[in-house]
Protein backbone atom coordinates (compact mmCIF):
# COMPACT_ATOMS: atom_id res chain seq x y z
CA UNK A 1 105.59 109.58 119.12
CA UNK A 2 106.61 108.23 115.67
CA UNK A 3 105.75 110.60 112.82
CA UNK A 4 104.49 109.34 109.50
CA UNK A 5 104.69 111.31 106.29
CA UNK A 6 102.88 111.42 102.96
CA UNK A 7 104.77 111.13 99.80
CA UNK A 8 104.72 114.91 99.24
CA UNK A 9 106.11 115.50 102.67
CA UNK A 10 108.82 112.99 102.07
CA UNK A 11 109.86 114.51 98.75
CA UNK A 12 109.92 117.95 100.27
CA UNK A 13 112.11 116.69 103.19
CA UNK A 14 114.54 114.93 100.75
CA UNK A 15 114.91 118.24 98.70
CA UNK A 16 115.45 120.19 101.89
CA UNK A 17 118.01 117.72 103.26
CA UNK A 18 119.96 117.70 99.95
CA UNK A 19 119.89 121.52 99.81
CA UNK A 20 121.15 121.68 103.43
CA UNK A 21 124.09 119.12 102.85
CA UNK A 22 124.88 118.75 99.21
CA UNK A 23 127.72 116.39 99.89
CA UNK A 24 125.45 113.86 101.67
CA UNK A 25 124.29 111.00 99.34
CA UNK A 26 120.81 109.95 100.55
CA UNK A 27 120.72 107.12 98.11
CA UNK A 28 124.03 105.69 99.48
CA UNK A 29 122.72 105.90 103.10
CA UNK A 30 119.42 104.17 101.92
CA UNK A 31 121.41 101.47 99.98
CA UNK A 32 123.73 100.74 102.85
CA UNK A 33 120.84 100.34 105.31
CA UNK A 34 119.03 97.99 102.83
CA UNK A 35 122.15 95.98 102.24
CA UNK A 36 122.50 95.56 106.01
CA UNK A 37 118.96 94.16 106.21
CA UNK A 38 119.40 91.76 103.32
CA UNK A 39 122.62 90.42 104.99
CA UNK A 40 120.64 89.91 108.16
CA UNK A 41 117.87 88.09 106.33
CA UNK A 42 120.51 85.83 104.78
CA UNK A 43 122.06 85.20 108.19
CA UNK A 44 118.69 84.26 109.55
CA UNK A 45 118.55 81.51 106.98
CA UNK A 46 122.15 80.42 107.90
CA UNK A 47 123.52 81.66 104.62
CA UNK A 48 126.79 83.60 104.27
CA UNK A 49 126.74 86.35 101.53
CA UNK A 50 129.50 84.61 99.60
CA UNK A 51 127.16 81.52 99.21
CA UNK A 52 124.00 83.48 98.55
CA UNK A 53 121.78 83.71 95.51
CA UNK A 54 119.91 87.03 95.27
CA UNK A 55 117.54 88.30 92.72
CA UNK A 56 116.56 92.01 92.49
CA UNK A 57 113.58 93.20 90.48
CA UNK A 58 114.42 96.68 89.21
CA UNK A 59 112.06 99.48 88.06
CA UNK A 60 113.07 102.63 86.44
CA UNK A 61 113.08 105.06 89.43
CA UNK A 62 115.21 105.87 92.45
CA UNK A 63 113.63 102.89 94.22
CA UNK A 64 115.41 100.63 91.72
CA UNK A 65 118.62 102.65 92.24
CA UNK A 66 118.51 102.02 96.02
CA UNK A 67 118.09 98.30 95.32
CA UNK A 68 120.93 98.14 92.76
CA UNK A 69 123.46 99.89 95.08
CA UNK A 70 122.49 97.61 97.89
CA UNK A 71 122.79 94.26 95.95
CA UNK A 72 126.04 95.58 94.45
CA UNK A 73 127.31 95.53 98.12
CA UNK A 74 126.01 91.95 98.39
CA UNK A 75 127.64 90.98 95.19
CA UNK A 76 130.97 92.46 96.20
CA UNK A 77 130.75 90.09 99.27
CA UNK A 78 130.71 87.11 96.87
CA UNK A 79 126.92 86.56 96.37
CA UNK A 80 125.54 85.53 92.99
CA UNK A 81 123.30 88.43 92.19
CA UNK A 82 121.00 88.96 89.15
CA UNK A 83 119.20 92.24 88.50
CA UNK A 84 116.01 91.70 86.45
CA UNK A 85 114.84 95.08 84.94
CA UNK A 86 111.08 95.17 84.44
CA UNK A 87 111.13 98.20 82.09
CA UNK A 88 113.12 99.78 79.34
CA UNK A 89 115.20 102.08 81.62
CA UNK A 90 116.97 101.75 84.98
CA UNK A 91 119.31 103.67 87.30
CA UNK A 92 122.50 103.78 85.24
CA UNK A 93 125.04 104.34 88.14
CA UNK A 94 123.38 101.60 90.21
CA UNK A 95 123.60 99.18 87.35
CA UNK A 96 127.19 100.11 86.71
CA UNK A 97 128.05 99.48 90.32
CA UNK A 98 126.31 96.06 90.22
CA UNK A 99 128.05 94.97 87.21
CA UNK A 100 131.41 96.08 88.45
CA UNK A 101 130.90 94.08 91.61
CA UNK A 102 130.27 90.93 89.46
CA UNK A 103 126.37 90.99 89.28
CA UNK A 104 124.43 90.17 86.24
CA UNK A 105 121.76 92.14 84.41
CA UNK A 106 118.70 90.54 82.75
CA UNK A 107 116.01 92.39 80.83
CA UNK A 108 112.68 90.75 81.91
CA UNK A 109 111.13 90.92 78.46
CA UNK A 110 113.95 88.96 76.80
CA UNK A 111 115.86 86.79 79.13
CA UNK A 112 114.10 86.16 82.46
CA UNK A 113 113.44 82.44 81.87
CA UNK A 114 117.08 81.84 81.09
CA UNK A 115 118.10 83.78 84.20
CA UNK A 116 115.90 81.77 86.44
CA UNK A 117 117.22 78.51 84.95
CA UNK A 118 120.83 79.67 85.78
CA UNK A 119 119.72 80.05 89.43
CA UNK A 120 118.10 76.66 89.56
CA UNK A 121 114.76 78.56 89.38
CA UNK A 122 115.04 79.77 92.96
CA UNK A 123 117.05 82.29 95.06
CA UNK A 124 117.65 82.95 98.82
CA UNK A 125 116.35 86.48 98.82
CA UNK A 126 114.19 88.42 96.31
CA UNK A 127 114.63 92.14 96.43
CA UNK A 128 111.58 94.06 95.31
CA UNK A 129 112.78 97.45 93.74
CA UNK A 130 110.08 97.78 91.01
CA UNK A 131 108.04 100.80 92.19
CA UNK A 132 108.75 103.20 95.10
CA UNK A 133 106.55 105.59 97.00
CA UNK A 134 105.65 107.62 93.94
CA UNK A 135 103.93 104.61 92.22
CA UNK A 136 100.13 104.24 91.98
CA UNK A 137 97.94 101.36 90.88
CA UNK A 138 98.87 97.69 90.37
CA UNK A 139 102.01 96.36 88.77
CA UNK A 140 102.33 96.32 85.07
CA UNK A 141 102.09 93.15 83.09
CA UNK A 142 105.86 92.36 82.70
CA UNK A 143 106.40 93.01 86.43
CA UNK A 144 103.47 90.78 87.35
CA UNK A 145 105.03 87.94 85.21
CA UNK A 146 108.38 88.20 86.91
CA UNK A 147 106.92 88.47 90.40
CA UNK A 148 104.75 85.41 89.78
CA UNK A 149 107.80 83.39 88.36
CA UNK A 150 109.95 84.36 91.28
CA UNK A 151 107.50 84.36 94.05
CA UNK A 152 106.82 80.67 94.24
CA UNK A 153 110.50 79.75 94.39
CA UNK A 154 111.70 82.44 96.82
CA UNK A 155 111.74 81.87 100.57
CA UNK A 156 112.16 85.54 101.52
CA UNK A 157 111.14 88.82 99.88
CA UNK A 158 112.47 92.18 100.87
CA UNK A 159 110.66 95.25 99.48
CA UNK A 160 112.42 98.65 99.08
CA UNK A 161 110.54 101.49 100.81
CA UNK A 162 107.12 100.13 100.08
CA UNK A 163 105.95 96.81 98.45
CA UNK A 164 105.44 97.47 94.83
CA UNK A 165 101.75 97.86 93.98
CA UNK A 166 100.85 99.28 97.38
CA UNK A 167 99.94 102.94 97.61
CA UNK A 168 102.32 104.62 100.10
CA UNK A 169 99.83 107.23 101.20
CA UNK A 170 96.64 105.17 101.60
CA UNK A 171 97.59 101.47 101.77
CA UNK A 172 95.36 100.83 98.78
CA UNK A 173 96.05 97.88 96.59
CA UNK A 174 94.19 98.09 93.32
CA UNK A 175 95.90 95.42 91.35
CA UNK A 176 98.80 93.00 91.54
CA UNK A 177 101.31 93.74 94.27
CA UNK A 178 104.31 92.19 95.90
CA UNK A 179 103.81 90.57 99.22
CA UNK A 180 107.02 91.23 101.31
CA UNK A 181 108.37 89.44 104.30
CA UNK A 182 110.17 92.66 105.19
CA UNK A 183 109.88 96.14 103.91
CA UNK A 184 112.86 98.37 104.32
CA UNK A 185 111.58 102.10 104.27
CA UNK A 186 113.73 105.15 104.56
CA UNK A 187 113.68 108.38 106.61
CA UNK A 188 110.17 108.20 107.93
CA UNK A 189 107.31 105.67 108.09
CA UNK A 190 104.64 105.88 105.32
CA UNK A 191 100.97 105.64 106.15
CA UNK A 192 100.30 102.97 103.66
CA UNK A 193 102.53 100.57 105.36
CA UNK A 194 100.33 100.60 108.53
CA UNK A 195 96.82 100.73 106.91
CA UNK A 196 95.04 97.73 105.57
CA UNK A 197 95.28 96.29 102.96
CA UNK A 198 98.86 97.64 102.41
CA UNK A 199 99.96 96.57 105.86
CA UNK A 200 99.13 92.91 105.02
CA UNK A 201 101.61 93.20 102.15
CA UNK A 202 104.51 94.94 104.06
CA UNK A 203 105.55 92.24 106.52
CA UNK A 204 108.03 93.36 109.09
CA UNK A 205 108.90 97.02 108.60
CA UNK A 206 112.54 98.13 109.06
CA UNK A 207 113.02 102.01 109.18
CA UNK A 208 116.38 103.27 108.11
CA UNK A 209 117.45 106.73 109.29
CA UNK A 210 118.70 108.78 106.44
CA UNK A 211 118.43 112.17 108.27
CA UNK A 212 115.05 113.39 107.06
CA UNK A 213 113.32 113.83 110.35
CA UNK A 214 114.73 117.32 110.88
CA UNK A 215 113.27 118.49 107.52
CA UNK A 216 109.73 117.12 107.86
CA UNK A 217 107.19 119.84 108.07
CA UNK A 218 105.01 119.60 111.14
CA UNK A 219 101.59 120.22 109.70
CA UNK A 220 98.27 120.50 111.43
CA UNK A 221 97.25 117.41 109.60
CA UNK A 222 100.15 115.55 111.29
CA UNK A 223 100.04 111.72 111.14
CA UNK A 224 101.70 109.76 113.90
CA UNK A 225 101.84 106.43 115.84
CA UNK A 226 101.93 106.56 119.63
CA UNK A 227 104.72 104.86 121.63
CA UNK A 228 104.28 103.39 125.03
CA UNK A 229 105.85 106.43 126.61
CA UNK A 230 103.12 108.62 124.87
CA UNK A 231 100.46 106.27 126.14
CA UNK A 232 101.77 106.62 129.72
CA UNK A 233 100.95 110.39 129.59
CA UNK A 234 97.10 109.24 129.65
CA UNK A 235 97.43 106.60 132.19
CA UNK A 236 99.67 108.18 134.86
CA UNK A 237 100.12 107.05 138.48
CA UNK A 238 97.40 108.75 140.57
CA UNK A 239 98.21 112.16 142.05
CA UNK A 240 99.21 111.75 145.68
CA UNK A 241 97.10 114.76 146.62
CA UNK A 242 94.11 113.73 144.45
CA UNK A 243 90.86 111.87 145.32
CA UNK A 244 88.40 109.96 143.32
CA UNK A 245 86.52 112.90 142.01
CA UNK A 246 89.64 114.78 140.80
CA UNK A 247 90.69 111.63 138.97
CA UNK A 248 87.47 111.88 136.98
CA UNK A 249 84.15 109.92 136.75
CA UNK A 250 83.18 108.00 133.68
CA UNK A 251 79.45 107.58 133.01
CA UNK A 252 78.39 104.34 131.29
CA UNK A 253 75.16 103.88 129.48
CA UNK A 254 75.38 100.43 127.77
CA UNK A 255 73.69 97.00 127.43
CA UNK A 256 70.18 95.85 127.19
CA UNK A 257 68.09 92.81 128.04
CA UNK A 258 69.24 91.17 124.86
CA UNK A 259 72.86 92.00 125.34
CA UNK A 260 73.60 92.31 129.04
CA UNK A 261 77.15 91.17 128.62
CA UNK A 262 77.90 94.54 126.82
CA UNK A 263 77.18 96.34 130.07
CA UNK A 264 79.41 94.06 132.01
CA UNK A 265 82.27 94.33 129.60
CA UNK A 266 82.18 97.96 128.94
CA UNK A 267 81.87 98.82 132.67
CA UNK A 268 84.68 96.37 133.56
CA UNK A 269 86.98 98.10 131.08
CA UNK A 270 85.93 101.53 132.24
CA UNK A 271 87.13 100.71 135.65
CA UNK A 272 90.78 100.49 134.55
CA UNK A 273 91.21 103.62 132.51
CA UNK A 274 92.32 105.83 135.40
CA UNK A 275 89.15 107.42 136.60
CA UNK A 276 88.17 107.37 140.30
CA UNK A 277 84.74 106.18 139.85
CA UNK A 278 82.39 104.58 137.31
CA UNK A 279 78.71 105.74 137.27
CA UNK A 280 76.37 103.36 135.50
CA UNK A 281 73.21 104.90 133.99
CA UNK A 282 70.24 102.94 135.35
CA UNK A 283 67.56 102.73 132.60
CA UNK A 284 65.20 100.59 134.78
CA UNK A 285 65.88 97.35 132.89
CA UNK A 286 67.54 95.36 135.67
CA UNK A 287 71.06 95.79 134.26
CA UNK A 288 72.28 98.13 137.07
CA UNK A 289 71.92 95.23 139.58
CA UNK A 290 73.83 92.91 137.22
CA UNK A 291 76.66 95.40 136.83
CA UNK A 292 76.90 96.04 140.66
CA UNK A 293 76.86 92.30 141.27
CA UNK A 294 79.97 92.04 139.19
CA UNK A 295 81.51 95.29 140.21
CA UNK A 296 80.37 96.44 143.73
CA UNK A 297 82.57 99.65 143.44
CA UNK A 298 80.31 100.97 140.65
CA UNK A 299 77.63 103.57 141.46
CA UNK A 300 74.39 103.51 139.61
CA UNK A 301 71.51 105.86 139.27
CA UNK A 302 68.77 106.90 136.79
CA UNK A 303 69.52 110.74 136.98
CA UNK A 304 69.52 112.83 133.84
CA UNK A 305 73.09 112.74 132.34
CA UNK A 306 72.94 116.67 132.30
CA UNK A 307 72.65 116.61 136.03
CA UNK A 308 75.56 114.32 136.73
CA UNK A 309 78.09 117.06 137.05
CA UNK A 310 80.82 114.95 138.51
CA UNK A 311 80.87 112.85 135.42
CA UNK A 312 83.78 113.87 133.13
CA UNK A 313 83.10 111.61 130.24
CA UNK A 314 80.52 109.19 128.82
CA UNK A 315 80.33 105.83 127.11
CA UNK A 316 77.17 105.06 125.23
CA UNK A 317 75.56 102.49 123.06
CA UNK A 318 77.30 99.04 123.45
CA UNK A 319 74.52 96.42 123.30
CA UNK A 320 71.65 98.91 123.03
CA UNK A 321 68.16 98.14 121.84
CA UNK A 322 68.10 100.19 118.60
CA UNK A 323 64.42 101.03 119.00
CA UNK A 324 64.06 101.50 122.84
CA UNK A 325 67.43 103.26 123.66
CA UNK A 326 67.36 106.22 121.11
CA UNK A 327 66.24 108.56 123.95
CA UNK A 328 69.27 107.45 126.11
CA UNK A 329 71.62 108.35 123.20
CA UNK A 330 69.97 111.64 122.83
CA UNK A 331 70.19 112.32 126.71
CA UNK A 332 73.87 111.39 126.89
CA UNK A 333 74.66 113.69 123.91
CA UNK A 334 72.87 116.51 125.85
CA UNK A 335 75.72 116.34 128.49
CA UNK A 336 78.59 118.76 127.96
CA UNK A 337 81.35 116.19 128.65
CA UNK A 338 83.13 114.10 126.12
CA UNK A 339 80.93 111.26 124.80
CA UNK A 340 81.96 107.89 123.24
CA UNK A 341 79.33 106.45 120.94
CA UNK A 342 79.73 102.75 120.02
CA UNK A 343 77.87 99.88 118.36
CA UNK A 344 74.07 100.26 118.49
CA UNK A 345 74.31 103.93 119.28
CA UNK A 346 75.99 104.33 115.83
CA UNK A 347 73.13 102.51 114.10
CA UNK A 348 70.68 104.84 115.89
CA UNK A 349 72.60 107.87 114.73
CA UNK A 350 72.84 106.55 111.28
CA UNK A 351 69.03 106.49 111.01
CA UNK A 352 68.23 109.80 112.74
CA UNK A 353 69.32 113.13 111.27
CA UNK A 354 68.43 114.94 114.37
CA UNK A 355 71.13 113.12 116.27
CA UNK A 356 73.60 113.92 113.58
CA UNK A 357 72.75 117.62 114.03
CA UNK A 358 73.08 117.24 117.76
CA UNK A 359 76.68 115.82 117.29
CA UNK A 360 77.58 118.64 114.96
CA UNK A 361 76.19 121.16 117.38
CA UNK A 362 78.34 119.63 120.09
CA UNK A 363 81.47 120.15 118.02
CA UNK A 364 80.53 123.84 117.38
CA UNK A 365 80.09 124.32 121.08
CA UNK A 366 83.44 122.76 121.80
CA UNK A 367 82.09 119.40 123.26
CA UNK A 368 84.03 116.28 122.06
CA UNK A 369 82.15 113.26 120.59
CA UNK A 370 84.06 110.15 119.78
CA UNK A 371 82.62 107.46 117.49
CA UNK A 372 84.04 103.86 117.08
CA UNK A 373 82.66 102.19 113.88
CA UNK A 374 84.03 99.12 112.10
CA UNK A 375 83.80 99.42 108.31
CA UNK A 376 80.22 98.11 108.06
CA UNK A 377 79.00 100.62 110.53
CA UNK A 378 81.10 103.34 108.89
CA UNK A 379 79.56 102.65 105.59
CA UNK A 380 76.02 103.11 107.03
CA UNK A 381 77.10 106.42 108.70
CA UNK A 382 78.93 107.69 105.68
CA UNK A 383 77.84 105.93 102.55
CA UNK A 384 80.50 105.89 99.77
CA UNK A 385 83.27 107.41 101.82
CA UNK A 386 85.41 104.20 101.86
CA UNK A 387 85.89 104.44 98.13
CA UNK A 388 88.43 107.07 98.97
CA UNK A 389 90.50 104.65 101.02
CA UNK A 390 90.30 104.18 104.74
CA UNK A 391 92.63 107.08 105.71
CA UNK A 392 91.01 109.58 103.44
CA UNK A 393 87.57 108.37 104.41
CA UNK A 394 88.31 108.61 108.16
CA UNK A 395 89.68 112.18 107.82
CA UNK A 396 86.77 113.25 105.66
CA UNK A 397 84.10 111.74 108.01
CA UNK A 398 85.72 113.13 111.19
CA UNK A 399 85.65 116.65 109.57
CA UNK A 400 82.12 116.22 108.12
CA UNK A 401 80.48 115.29 111.47
CA UNK A 402 82.81 117.09 113.87
CA UNK A 403 83.93 113.98 115.70
CA UNK A 404 87.06 112.09 116.71
CA UNK A 405 86.52 108.99 114.59
CA UNK A 406 88.06 105.55 115.49
CA UNK A 407 87.76 103.43 112.24
CA UNK A 408 88.41 100.02 113.55
CA UNK A 409 90.22 97.31 111.69
CA UNK A 410 93.67 96.35 110.72
CA UNK A 411 95.63 99.52 111.30
CA UNK A 412 92.93 101.34 113.26
CA UNK A 413 92.74 104.97 112.26
CA UNK A 414 91.97 107.66 114.84
CA UNK A 415 91.04 110.90 113.02
CA UNK A 416 90.20 114.40 114.42
CA UNK A 417 88.00 117.08 112.71
CA UNK A 418 91.25 119.08 112.12
CA UNK A 419 92.61 116.41 109.86
CA UNK A 420 95.07 115.19 112.56
CA UNK A 421 95.49 111.38 112.60
CA UNK A 422 96.90 108.63 114.79
CA UNK A 423 97.41 105.03 113.38
CA UNK A 424 97.43 102.16 115.74
CA UNK A 425 100.04 99.46 115.43
CA UNK A 426 99.34 97.48 118.55
CA UNK A 427 96.08 95.82 117.59
CA UNK A 428 96.16 92.36 116.06
CA UNK A 429 93.68 89.75 114.81
CA UNK A 430 93.06 88.38 118.28
CA UNK A 431 90.93 91.41 118.95
CA UNK A 432 88.39 90.13 116.44
CA UNK A 433 86.15 88.35 118.92
CA UNK A 434 82.62 89.09 120.31
CA UNK A 435 82.64 91.73 123.03
CA UNK A 436 86.05 93.07 122.15
CA UNK A 437 84.36 96.37 120.95
CA UNK A 438 82.60 96.67 124.27
CA UNK A 439 85.90 96.56 126.04
CA UNK A 440 87.45 99.08 123.66
CA UNK A 441 84.51 101.53 124.06
CA UNK A 442 84.84 101.27 127.86
CA UNK A 443 88.51 101.80 128.05
CA UNK A 444 88.28 104.82 125.66
CA UNK A 445 85.55 106.41 127.65
CA UNK A 446 87.51 106.02 130.87
CA UNK A 447 90.86 107.25 129.56
CA UNK A 448 89.18 110.26 127.93
CA UNK A 449 87.14 111.03 131.09
CA UNK A 450 90.32 110.91 133.23
CA UNK A 451 92.21 113.10 130.77
CA UNK A 452 89.38 115.54 130.68
CA UNK A 453 89.35 115.77 134.38
CA UNK A 454 93.02 116.41 134.36
CA UNK A 455 92.64 119.22 131.90
CA UNK A 456 94.39 117.39 129.10
CA UNK A 457 92.96 118.73 125.82
CA UNK A 458 94.55 116.50 123.11
CA UNK A 459 91.71 114.08 123.23
CA UNK A 460 92.72 112.49 120.03
CA UNK A 461 95.89 111.25 121.65
CA UNK A 462 93.83 110.12 124.81
CA UNK A 463 91.65 108.14 122.39
CA UNK A 464 94.67 106.68 120.54
CA UNK A 465 96.20 105.82 123.90
CA UNK A 466 93.07 103.80 124.85
CA UNK A 467 93.18 102.05 121.44
CA UNK A 468 96.80 101.11 122.13
CA UNK A 469 96.00 99.80 125.53
CA UNK A 470 93.20 97.66 124.09
CA UNK A 471 95.67 96.23 121.46
CA UNK A 472 98.44 95.56 123.96
CA UNK A 473 95.98 93.89 126.27
CA UNK A 474 95.11 91.48 123.28
CA UNK A 475 98.80 90.82 122.72
CA UNK A 476 99.37 89.94 126.23
CA UNK A 477 96.32 87.74 126.32
CA UNK A 478 97.37 85.94 123.13
CA UNK A 479 100.98 85.42 124.03
CA UNK A 480 102.48 82.02 123.10
CA UNK A 481 99.52 81.28 120.82
CA UNK A 482 96.81 81.34 123.53
CA UNK A 483 93.20 81.76 122.33
CA UNK A 484 91.67 85.17 123.22
CA UNK A 485 88.16 86.17 124.21
CA UNK A 486 86.84 89.63 125.32
CA UNK A 487 87.26 88.59 128.94
CA UNK A 488 90.93 87.90 128.42
CA UNK A 489 91.43 91.27 126.89
CA UNK A 490 89.57 92.89 129.77
CA UNK A 491 91.57 90.98 132.44
CA UNK A 492 94.82 92.11 130.79
CA UNK A 493 94.18 95.87 130.58
CA UNK A 494 95.94 96.48 133.97
CA UNK A 495 99.13 94.77 132.60
CA UNK A 496 98.82 96.72 129.45
CA UNK A 497 98.77 99.92 131.48
CA UNK A 498 101.79 98.69 133.39
CA UNK A 499 103.64 98.19 130.06
CA UNK A 500 102.82 101.84 128.97
CA UNK A 501 103.94 103.19 132.39
CA UNK A 502 107.23 101.35 131.86
CA UNK A 503 107.48 102.89 128.35
CA UNK A 504 107.36 99.52 126.62
CA UNK A 505 106.66 99.16 122.93
CA UNK A 506 105.89 101.59 119.97
């Protein structure tokens, strides 16, 4: 599991690390790692440092100091380096090091046009050291001007710790911001690099170890990214002494006459999540026959969900009729097993306060409810929450309703009522196709039902593991530029599980 840390946690860890080892220079370690990445970027363009032209945009804080010491190393190797300061102050020791190595210093307000002219109005690498993790809001006017001048003529941009203008905690971008090709971040990943819109500005992320991990406080509100080896915990090989019922049974109540495909896709995904059986809830609409025609290993009945005691988890709502199926949502929520609510079930809940109360009561009773809204569905359930940013909104909503909340989108956020969060890095844009959400709901329900049957209680991680599998299946389906539909995502779930069991991928 890869930890993420908010700015306050990073600052505290830095102070603790410096107190524990006063002789260790964290900035020197960060600058060395940054210089190594810049050299690699140059090499990728076939440029040796001695022939390179590098421009560094420098703010007034330690972020600018990291950049200055790094480009000083590049200048010492023979590169032509210009540091353009965007404010009235800068890291003095870093600037001294750059000038000693043969670099040049330009103050943006006075000489930037002349500096660009001396470089032929272009450079090989632009280093963004304007604003670090403590910044907020968009770039100031002078910085915007310099970035605009450089951006059009620069083939590659490297940001230091976080792209300037991106909020390191939330990923919010409220004004002008640097769009990096690579972001070199130090010590620990920051949430804003993985959450939209910030993730769209970060490019490739390089994490440089500067010895902070031992000093990070492990809070209850821990934020992390699952790795393949973590996912494997929730899709293990079957127990040699087990049988289909000990593996768990997932109940599925999905689809309608208008959307029969939702039933087929959600059940199909549920079959792969590790359970020993899928039980489809027959609502006398002909869908049970369709499902069994596709998957003859599925069992169907119209029994009350509360009476299906072998079921260890439920999926409900994909493709529902919003008027006719409210009673089915209520019946599934009456069961004591974990319940995943998706799609039309969320619209039904949004318009029915009694169902909200039922979900809250489930939380008080210790029963898990998982909801999977995209941003439009989220806004109907929790009006105005998104103004806080996606991460804060997900945490607040999960706590308010007492659910594990899967806020779908770039950098899907999985939040528990406790404040604990997982951020998914596997999902890509190929998942944005019709039926993809039905597949996601099915695999979440199945993985959670199997985990519940095994007595695994960290259902936020079971949920995040299923989100990871969905994303990995999409990546496999879309390999080498192939187009992807929900059927391809569904068909590649077994291979995604194989990847997890082999510990492949973060």
